[in-house]
Amino acid sequence: MKQNELFSYIEDAFPVRFSETELGTEWNLSEWSDPDTAADDIAYIQQLQEAPKLMVAGSLSMKRTAFTLVSVLLAHYKSGENWDLASSDVKLVHDQDAPFQIGVHLSGIRSYEEDLEWDELLRKLYFDWVKPLILSVEKAGKVKQIVLWENFFIYLRWFYKSLAPELQGLEQRDWDAHWQQIVTEDFFGEDELNPFSHLDAFKAKRELEDARVRSTCCYKYMLPGKKNCRTCCLIKE
């Protein structure tokens, strides 16, 4: 599959764009390894969103960013790609029409040099990019780490449980077996606490037939309009 065809395939599945950003203000997430830079950018996002607290912008920026992780996994399953997010250009862009006014753009894509199986790729992404980013945003955005992990978890789970099994043009695998492997306690190593295992074990008091109720709140309800997510843990029975 040609690269532009792969990009289009992923864009049809996720709100991630591969074209050069032309929407105005943008934030390069590679610069968020510095908590001070991340704090300044998140404060600007907070202002644009008219969010009452920094943690709202911090959480929702990561909720949008999470689509890049499943995009890399889809690229791997579809074409055997092993994209390295830590070496690529991942940008958030101010987009008035996007959820939370945040668009997601991925460009300048670089790949890991070695051939990787899907689980090896996910582990490298976790240690090289996702975890360092979450630790920085936790500090910069004053957001509890578990909230940020769940923002990634919900889309990772959705990918394996709902999207991949139904996605046209994708070679089918034992998606449930892959998911069960991800949520084992030692998936990231014996010395690394697996946040996805902890979140997978959570049992909400409220249940939905086709979705999982969150264990933490992403703070969307604090934006103007005050709307909860359908899976919000604050909604009562």
C-alpha atoms as a PDB file:
ATOM      1  CA  MET A   1       0.000   0.000   0.000  1.00  0.00           C
ATOM      2  CA  LYS A   2       1.330   3.438  -0.963  1.00  0.00           C
ATOM      3  CA  GLN A   3       1.908   5.892   1.858  1.00  0.00           C
ATOM      4  CA  ASN A   4      -0.796   8.325   0.743  1.00  0.00           C
ATOM      5  CA  GLU A   5      -3.268   5.439   0.557  1.00  0.00           C
ATOM      6  CA  LEU A   6      -2.322   4.373   4.083  1.00  0.00           C
ATOM      7  CA  PHE A   7      -2.746   7.940   5.315  1.00  0.00           C
ATOM      8  CA  SER A   8      -6.231   8.105   3.786  1.00  0.00           C
ATOM      9  CA  TYR A   9      -7.147   4.751   5.311  1.00  0.00           C
ATOM     10  CA  ILE A  10      -6.134   5.959   8.777  1.00  0.00           C
ATOM     11  CA  GLU A  11      -7.855   9.325   8.321  1.00  0.00           C
ATOM     12  CA  ASP A  12     -11.084   7.469   7.562  1.00  0.00           C
ATOM     13  CA  ALA A  13     -10.774   5.647  10.885  1.00  0.00           C
ATOM     14  CA  PHE A  14      -9.499   8.388  13.200  1.00  0.00           C
ATOM     15  CA  PRO A  15      -9.566  12.207  13.501  1.00  0.00           C
ATOM     16  CA  VAL A  16      -5.859  12.419  12.667  1.00  0.00           C
ATOM     17  CA  ARG A  17      -4.604  14.386   9.669  1.00  0.00           C
ATOM     18  CA  PHE A  18      -1.327  13.897   7.813  1.00  0.00           C
ATOM     19  CA  SER A  19      -1.348  17.030   5.659  1.00  0.00           C
ATOM     20  CA  GLU A  20       0.643  20.080   6.684  1.00  0.00           C
ATOM     21  CA  THR A  21      -1.216  22.163   9.222  1.00  0.00           C
ATOM     22  CA  GLU A  22      -2.902  25.267   7.852  1.00  0.00           C
ATOM     23  CA  LEU A  23      -5.282  26.108  10.654  1.00  0.00           C
ATOM     24  CA  GLY A  24      -3.276  28.656  12.577  1.00  0.00           C
ATOM     25  CA  THR A  25      -1.988  28.117  16.083  1.00  0.00           C
ATOM     26  CA  GLU A  26      -0.224  24.794  16.595  1.00  0.00           C
ATOM     27  CA  TRP A  27       1.682  23.087  19.382  1.00  0.00           C
ATOM     28  CA  ASN A  28       4.497  20.601  18.735  1.00  0.00           C
ATOM     29  CA  LEU A  29       4.256  17.807  21.282  1.00  0.00           C
ATOM     30  CA  SER A  30       7.946  16.976  20.949  1.00  0.00           C
ATOM     31  CA  GLU A  31       8.507  20.217  22.835  1.00  0.00           C
ATOM     32  CA  TRP A  32       6.258  19.072  25.671  1.00  0.00           C
ATOM     33  CA  SER A  33       9.066  16.954  27.075  1.00  0.00           C
ATOM     34  CA  ASP A  34       9.895  20.235  28.810  1.00  0.00           C
ATOM     35  CA  PRO A  35       7.144  20.739  31.431  1.00  0.00           C
ATOM     36  CA  ASP A  36       7.590  24.518  31.319  1.00  0.00           C
ATOM     37  CA  THR A  37       6.936  24.624  27.578  1.00  0.00           C
ATOM     38  CA  ALA A  38       4.023  22.237  28.001  1.00  0.00           C
ATOM     39  CA  ALA A  39       2.587  24.414  30.775  1.00  0.00           C
ATOM     40  CA  ASP A  40       2.730  27.526  28.583  1.00  0.00           C
ATOM     41  CA  ASP A  41       1.063  25.735  25.669  1.00  0.00           C
ATOM     42  CA  ILE A  42      -1.610  24.143  27.845  1.00  0.00           C
ATOM     43  CA  ALA A  43      -2.371  27.530  29.395  1.00  0.00           C
ATOM     44  CA  TYR A  44      -2.920  28.915  25.885  1.00  0.00           C
ATOM     45  CA  ILE A  45      -5.203  25.987  25.022  1.00  0.00           C
ATOM     46  CA  GLN A  46      -7.102  26.647  28.251  1.00  0.00           C
ATOM     47  CA  GLN A  47      -7.614  30.252  27.186  1.00  0.00           C
ATOM     48  CA  LEU A  48      -8.889  29.261  23.732  1.00  0.00           C
ATOM     49  CA  GLN A  49     -11.243  26.670  25.226  1.00  0.00           C
ATOM     50  CA  GLU A  50     -12.433  29.074  27.917  1.00  0.00           C
ATOM     51  CA  ALA A  51     -11.778  26.258  30.372  1.00  0.00           C
ATOM     52  CA  PRO A  52     -11.963  27.199  34.068  1.00  0.00           C
ATOM     53  CA  LYS A  53      -8.887  25.213  35.089  1.00  0.00           C
ATOM     54  CA  LEU A  54      -5.556  24.213  33.582  1.00  0.00           C
ATOM     55  CA  MET A  55      -6.262  20.536  34.231  1.00  0.00           C
ATOM     56  CA  VAL A  56      -9.203  20.640  31.806  1.00  0.00           C
ATOM     57  CA  ALA A  57      -6.990  21.688  28.890  1.00  0.00           C
ATOM     58  CA  GLY A  58      -4.267  19.275  29.990  1.00  0.00           C
ATOM     59  CA  SER A  59      -6.613  16.313  30.086  1.00  0.00           C
ATOM     60  CA  LEU A  60      -8.473  17.071  26.872  1.00  0.00           C
ATOM     61  CA  SER A  61      -5.283  17.742  24.920  1.00  0.00           C
ATOM     62  CA  MET A  62      -4.145  14.224  25.790  1.00  0.00           C
ATOM     63  CA  LYS A  63      -7.549  12.768  25.021  1.00  0.00           C
ATOM     64  CA  ARG A  64      -7.144  14.036  21.456  1.00  0.00           C
ATOM     65  CA  THR A  65      -3.467  13.043  21.293  1.00  0.00           C
ATOM     66  CA  ALA A  66      -4.395   9.443  22.117  1.00  0.00           C
ATOM     67  CA  PHE A  67      -5.625   8.985  18.547  1.00  0.00           C
ATOM     68  CA  THR A  68      -2.013   9.056  17.367  1.00  0.00           C
ATOM     69  CA  LEU A  69      -1.232   5.880  19.302  1.00  0.00           C
ATOM     70  CA  VAL A  70      -4.029   3.866  17.707  1.00  0.00           C
ATOM     71  CA  SER A  71      -3.100   5.378  14.333  1.00  0.00           C
ATOM     72  CA  VAL A  72       0.387   3.901  14.642  1.00  0.00           C
ATOM     73  CA  LEU A  73      -1.058   0.530  15.594  1.00  0.00           C
ATOM     74  CA  LEU A  74      -3.428   0.601  12.633  1.00  0.00           C
ATOM     75  CA  ALA A  75      -0.539   1.465  10.297  1.00  0.00           C
ATOM     76  CA  HIS A  76       1.337  -1.546  11.659  1.00  0.00           C
ATOM     77  CA  TYR A  77      -1.543  -3.986  11.339  1.00  0.00           C
ATOM     78  CA  LYS A  78      -2.468  -2.693   7.867  1.00  0.00           C
ATOM     79  CA  SER A  79       0.968  -2.285   6.260  1.00  0.00           C
ATOM     80  CA  GLY A  80       3.594  -3.537   8.694  1.00  0.00           C
ATOM     81  CA  GLU A  81       4.776   0.001   9.475  1.00  0.00           C
ATOM     82  CA  ASN A  82       6.663   0.693  12.709  1.00  0.00           C
ATOM     83  CA  TRP A  83       6.247   4.431  13.191  1.00  0.00           C
ATOM     84  CA  ASP A  84       8.275   6.103  15.909  1.00  0.00           C
ATOM     85  CA  LEU A  85       6.202   8.919  17.409  1.00  0.00           C
ATOM     86  CA  ALA A  86       9.102  10.201  19.490  1.00  0.00           C
ATOM     87  CA  SER A  87      11.020  11.006  16.284  1.00  0.00           C
ATOM     88  CA  SER A  88       8.032  12.223  14.259  1.00  0.00           C
ATOM     89  CA  ASP A  89       6.194  15.545  14.262  1.00  0.00           C
ATOM     90  CA  VAL A  90       3.045  15.233  16.345  1.00  0.00           C
ATOM     91  CA  LYS A  91       1.158  18.492  16.569  1.00  0.00           C
ATOM     92  CA  LEU A  92      -2.021  19.727  18.163  1.00  0.00           C
ATOM     93  CA  VAL A  93      -3.715  22.467  16.178  1.00  0.00           C
ATOM     94  CA  HIS A  94      -6.346  24.972  17.194  1.00  0.00           C
ATOM     95  CA  ASP A  95      -9.444  24.075  15.210  1.00  0.00           C
ATOM     96  CA  GLN A  96     -12.668  25.833  16.153  1.00  0.00           C
ATOM     97  CA  ASP A  97     -14.758  23.015  14.669  1.00  0.00           C
ATOM     98  CA  ALA A  98     -12.936  20.068  16.276  1.00  0.00           C
ATOM     99  CA  PRO A  99     -13.885  18.496  19.608  1.00  0.00           C
ATOM    100  CA  PHE A 100     -12.375  20.581  22.423  1.00  0.00           C
ATOM    101  CA  GLN A 101     -11.154  22.909  19.589  1.00  0.00           C
ATOM    102  CA  ILE A 102      -8.129  20.624  19.151  1.00  0.00           C
ATOM    103  CA  GLY A 103      -7.087  18.988  15.895  1.00  0.00           C
ATOM    104  CA  VAL A 104      -4.361  16.344  15.645  1.00  0.00           C
ATOM    105  CA  HIS A 105      -1.709  16.308  12.902  1.00  0.00           C
ATOM    106  CA  LEU A 106       1.040  13.783  12.242  1.00  0.00           C
ATOM    107  CA  SER A 107       3.844  14.516   9.772  1.00  0.00           C
ATOM    108  CA  GLY A 108       7.556  13.979   9.226  1.00  0.00           C
ATOM    109  CA  ILE A 109       6.975  10.357  10.116  1.00  0.00           C
ATOM    110  CA  ARG A 110      10.000   8.285  10.992  1.00  0.00           C
ATOM    111  CA  SER A 111      10.091   4.583  11.704  1.00  0.00           C
ATOM    112  CA  TYR A 112      12.009   2.337  14.045  1.00  0.00           C
ATOM    113  CA  GLU A 113      14.879   0.706  12.192  1.00  0.00           C
ATOM    114  CA  GLU A 114      14.220  -2.799  13.468  1.00  0.00           C
ATOM    115  CA  ASP A 115      11.369  -5.097  12.495  1.00  0.00           C
ATOM    116  CA  LEU A 116       8.850  -5.238  15.318  1.00  0.00           C
ATOM    117  CA  GLU A 117       5.885  -7.372  16.221  1.00  0.00           C
ATOM    118  CA  TRP A 118       2.764  -5.464  17.308  1.00  0.00           C
ATOM    119  CA  ASP A 119       3.446  -5.958  21.027  1.00  0.00           C
ATOM    120  CA  GLU A 120       7.085  -4.907  20.688  1.00  0.00           C
ATOM    121  CA  LEU A 121       5.975  -1.767  18.869  1.00  0.00           C
ATOM    122  CA  LEU A 122       3.453  -0.887  21.567  1.00  0.00           C
ATOM    123  CA  ARG A 123       6.045  -1.323  24.305  1.00  0.00           C
ATOM    124  CA  LYS A 124       8.502   0.950  22.512  1.00  0.00           C
ATOM    125  CA  LEU A 125       5.825   3.599  21.985  1.00  0.00           C
ATOM    126  CA  TYR A 126       4.890   3.358  25.650  1.00  0.00           C
ATOM    127  CA  PHE A 127       8.402   3.905  26.969  1.00  0.00           C
ATOM    128  CA  ASP A 128       9.697   6.242  24.248  1.00  0.00           C
ATOM    129  CA  TRP A 129       6.728   8.540  23.837  1.00  0.00           C
ATOM    130  CA  VAL A 130       3.497   7.962  25.753  1.00  0.00           C
ATOM    131  CA  LYS A 131       4.858   7.665  29.284  1.00  0.00           C
ATOM    132  CA  PRO A 132       7.300  10.616  29.051  1.00  0.00           C
ATOM    133  CA  LEU A 133       4.519  12.764  27.574  1.00  0.00           C
ATOM    134  CA  ILE A 134       2.058  11.821  30.299  1.00  0.00           C
ATOM    135  CA  LEU A 135       4.573  12.466  33.068  1.00  0.00           C
ATOM    136  CA  SER A 136       5.277  15.913  31.640  1.00  0.00           C
ATOM    137  CA  VAL A 137       1.604  16.832  31.191  1.00  0.00           C
ATOM    138  CA  GLU A 138       0.816  15.554  34.678  1.00  0.00           C
ATOM    139  CA  LYS A 139       3.187  18.188  36.032  1.00  0.00           C
ATOM    140  CA  ALA A 140       2.524  20.932  33.495  1.00  0.00           C
ATOM    141  CA  GLY A 141      -1.255  20.616  33.401  1.00  0.00           C
ATOM    142  CA  LYS A 142      -1.785  19.684  37.031  1.00  0.00           C
ATOM    143  CA  VAL A 143      -3.725  16.591  35.979  1.00  0.00           C
ATOM    144  CA  LYS A 144      -3.778  13.313  37.869  1.00  0.00           C
ATOM    145  CA  GLN A 145      -1.730  10.757  35.981  1.00  0.00           C
ATOM    146  CA  ILE A 146      -4.493   8.136  36.034  1.00  0.00           C
ATOM    147  CA  VAL A 147      -6.809  10.532  34.160  1.00  0.00           C
ATOM    148  CA  LEU A 148      -4.233  10.890  31.389  1.00  0.00           C
ATOM    149  CA  TRP A 149      -3.649   7.148  31.199  1.00  0.00           C
ATOM    150  CA  GLU A 150      -7.377   6.545  30.910  1.00  0.00           C
ATOM    151  CA  ASN A 151      -7.562   9.038  28.053  1.00  0.00           C
ATOM    152  CA  PHE A 152      -5.232   6.716  26.131  1.00  0.00           C
ATOM    153  CA  PHE A 153      -6.797   3.537  27.498  1.00  0.00           C
ATOM    154  CA  ILE A 154     -10.313   4.287  26.234  1.00  0.00           C
ATOM    155  CA  TYR A 155      -9.216   4.565  22.605  1.00  0.00           C
ATOM    156  CA  LEU A 156      -6.808   1.661  22.833  1.00  0.00           C
ATOM    157  CA  ARG A 157      -9.618  -0.499  24.183  1.00  0.00           C
ATOM    158  CA  TRP A 158     -12.064   0.792  21.574  1.00  0.00           C
ATOM    159  CA  PHE A 159      -9.594  -0.040  18.814  1.00  0.00           C
ATOM    160  CA  TYR A 160      -9.210  -3.675  19.855  1.00  0.00           C
ATOM    161  CA  LYS A 161     -12.743  -4.306  21.096  1.00  0.00           C
ATOM    162  CA  SER A 162     -14.826  -2.463  18.507  1.00  0.00           C
ATOM    163  CA  LEU A 163     -13.045  -0.855  15.579  1.00  0.00           C
ATOM    164  CA  ALA A 164     -10.470  -3.398  14.386  1.00  0.00           C
ATOM    165  CA  PRO A 165     -12.882  -6.382  14.331  1.00  0.00           C
ATOM    166  CA  GLU A 166     -15.251  -4.450  12.044  1.00  0.00           C
ATOM    167  CA  LEU A 167     -12.828  -2.393   9.947  1.00  0.00           C
ATOM    168  CA  GLN A 168     -13.069  -3.138   6.241  1.00  0.00           C
ATOM    169  CA  GLY A 169      -9.839  -3.873   4.429  1.00  0.00           C
ATOM    170  CA  LEU A 170      -7.994  -4.955   7.563  1.00  0.00           C
ATOM    171  CA  GLU A 171      -6.683  -8.504   7.878  1.00  0.00           C
ATOM    172  CA  GLN A 172      -8.434 -10.011  10.847  1.00  0.00           C
ATOM    173  CA  ARG A 173      -6.521 -11.293  13.855  1.00  0.00           C
ATOM    174  CA  ASP A 174      -7.430 -12.520  17.304  1.00  0.00           C
ATOM    175  CA  TRP A 175      -8.036  -8.991  18.547  1.00  0.00           C
ATOM    176  CA  ASP A 176      -9.342 -10.093  21.920  1.00  0.00           C
ATOM    177  CA  ALA A 177      -6.188 -12.132  22.549  1.00  0.00           C
ATOM    178  CA  HIS A 178      -4.076  -9.101  21.697  1.00  0.00           C
ATOM    179  CA  TRP A 179      -6.115  -6.970  24.083  1.00  0.00           C
ATOM    180  CA  GLN A 180      -5.897  -9.487  26.904  1.00  0.00           C
ATOM    181  CA  GLN A 181      -2.144  -9.527  26.453  1.00  0.00           C
ATOM    182  CA  ILE A 182      -1.973  -5.720  26.708  1.00  0.00           C
ATOM    183  CA  VAL A 183      -3.822  -5.648  30.029  1.00  0.00           C
ATOM    184  CA  THR A 184      -1.745  -8.319  31.741  1.00  0.00           C
ATOM    185  CA  GLU A 185       0.133  -6.901  34.713  1.00  0.00           C
ATOM    186  CA  ASP A 186       3.599  -7.585  33.295  1.00  0.00           C
ATOM    187  CA  PHE A 187       2.985  -6.531  29.662  1.00  0.00           C
ATOM    188  CA  PHE A 188       5.491  -3.678  30.019  1.00  0.00           C
ATOM    189  CA  GLY A 189       7.876  -5.706  32.159  1.00  0.00           C
ATOM    190  CA  GLU A 190       7.987  -7.083  35.670  1.00  0.00           C
ATOM    191  CA  ASP A 191       9.256  -3.788  37.088  1.00  0.00           C
ATOM    192  CA  GLU A 192       6.755  -1.547  35.274  1.00  0.00           C
ATOM    193  CA  LEU A 193       3.282  -1.065  36.707  1.00  0.00           C
ATOM    194  CA  ASN A 194       0.835  -1.465  33.830  1.00  0.00           C
ATOM    195  CA  PRO A 195      -1.756   1.348  34.032  1.00  0.00           C
ATOM    196  CA  PHE A 196      -3.920  -0.393  31.444  1.00  0.00           C
ATOM    197  CA  SER A 197      -4.168  -3.484  33.639  1.00  0.00           C
ATOM    198  CA  HIS A 198      -5.366  -1.356  36.548  1.00  0.00           C
ATOM    199  CA  LEU A 199      -7.957   0.427  34.408  1.00  0.00           C
ATOM    200  CA  ASP A 200      -9.188  -2.779  32.798  1.00  0.00           C
ATOM    201  CA  ALA A 201      -9.890  -4.257  36.227  1.00  0.00           C
ATOM    202  CA  PHE A 202     -12.118  -1.323  37.231  1.00  0.00           C
ATOM    203  CA  LYS A 203     -15.821  -2.136  37.536  1.00  0.00           C
ATOM    204  CA  ALA A 204     -18.159   0.838  37.251  1.00  0.00           C
ATOM    205  CA  LYS A 205     -21.443   1.025  39.129  1.00  0.00           C
ATOM    206  CA  ARG A 206     -23.163   2.189  35.951  1.00  0.00           C
ATOM    207  CA  GLU A 207     -23.078  -0.026  32.880  1.00  0.00           C
ATOM    208  CA  LEU A 208     -23.603   0.608  29.178  1.00  0.00           C
ATOM    209  CA  GLU A 209     -24.411  -2.126  26.701  1.00  0.00           C
ATOM    210  CA  ASP A 210     -21.959  -0.975  24.041  1.00  0.00           C
ATOM    211  CA  ALA A 211     -19.304   0.949  25.951  1.00  0.00           C
ATOM    212  CA  ARG A 212     -17.270   1.097  29.150  1.00  0.00           C
ATOM    213  CA  VAL A 213     -18.003   3.745  31.781  1.00  0.00           C
ATOM    214  CA  ARG A 214     -14.838   5.583  32.784  1.00  0.00           C
ATOM    215  CA  SER A 215     -13.242   5.278  36.205  1.00  0.00           C
ATOM    216  CA  THR A 216     -12.018   8.900  36.063  1.00  0.00           C
ATOM    217  CA  CYS A 217     -13.480  12.086  34.613  1.00  0.00           C
ATOM    218  CA  CYS A 218     -11.785  13.752  31.628  1.00  0.00           C
ATOM    219  CA  TYR A 219     -13.280  17.141  32.691  1.00  0.00           C
ATOM    220  CA  LYS A 220     -15.129  17.758  29.427  1.00  0.00           C
ATOM    221  CA  TYR A 221     -18.175  18.821  31.449  1.00  0.00           C
ATOM    222  CA  MET A 222     -16.216  21.836  32.717  1.00  0.00           C
ATOM    223  CA  LEU A 223     -16.043  23.391  29.238  1.00  0.00           C
ATOM    224  CA  PRO A 224     -18.644  25.987  28.203  1.00  0.00           C
ATOM    225  CA  GLY A 225     -21.827  24.048  27.501  1.00  0.00           C
ATOM    226  CA  LYS A 226     -21.160  21.733  30.432  1.00  0.00           C
ATOM    227  CA  LYS A 227     -21.852  18.482  28.580  1.00  0.00           C
ATOM    228  CA  ASN A 228     -20.776  15.136  30.001  1.00  0.00           C
ATOM    229  CA  CYS A 229     -19.331  12.337  27.900  1.00  0.00           C
ATOM    230  CA  ARG A 230     -21.763   9.443  27.517  1.00  0.00           C
ATOM    231  CA  THR A 231     -19.307   7.265  29.438  1.00  0.00           C
ATOM    232  CA  CYS A 232     -18.717   9.835  32.194  1.00  0.00           C
ATOM    233  CA  CYS A 233     -18.266   8.404  35.671  1.00  0.00           C
ATOM    234  CA  LEU A 234     -20.162  11.367  37.165  1.00  0.00           C
ATOM    235  CA  ILE A 235     -23.474  10.444  35.527  1.00  0.00           C
ATOM    236  CA  LYS A 236     -25.757   8.730  38.010  1.00  0.00           C
ATOM    237  CA  GLU A 237     -27.956   5.747  37.245  1.00  0.00           C
END
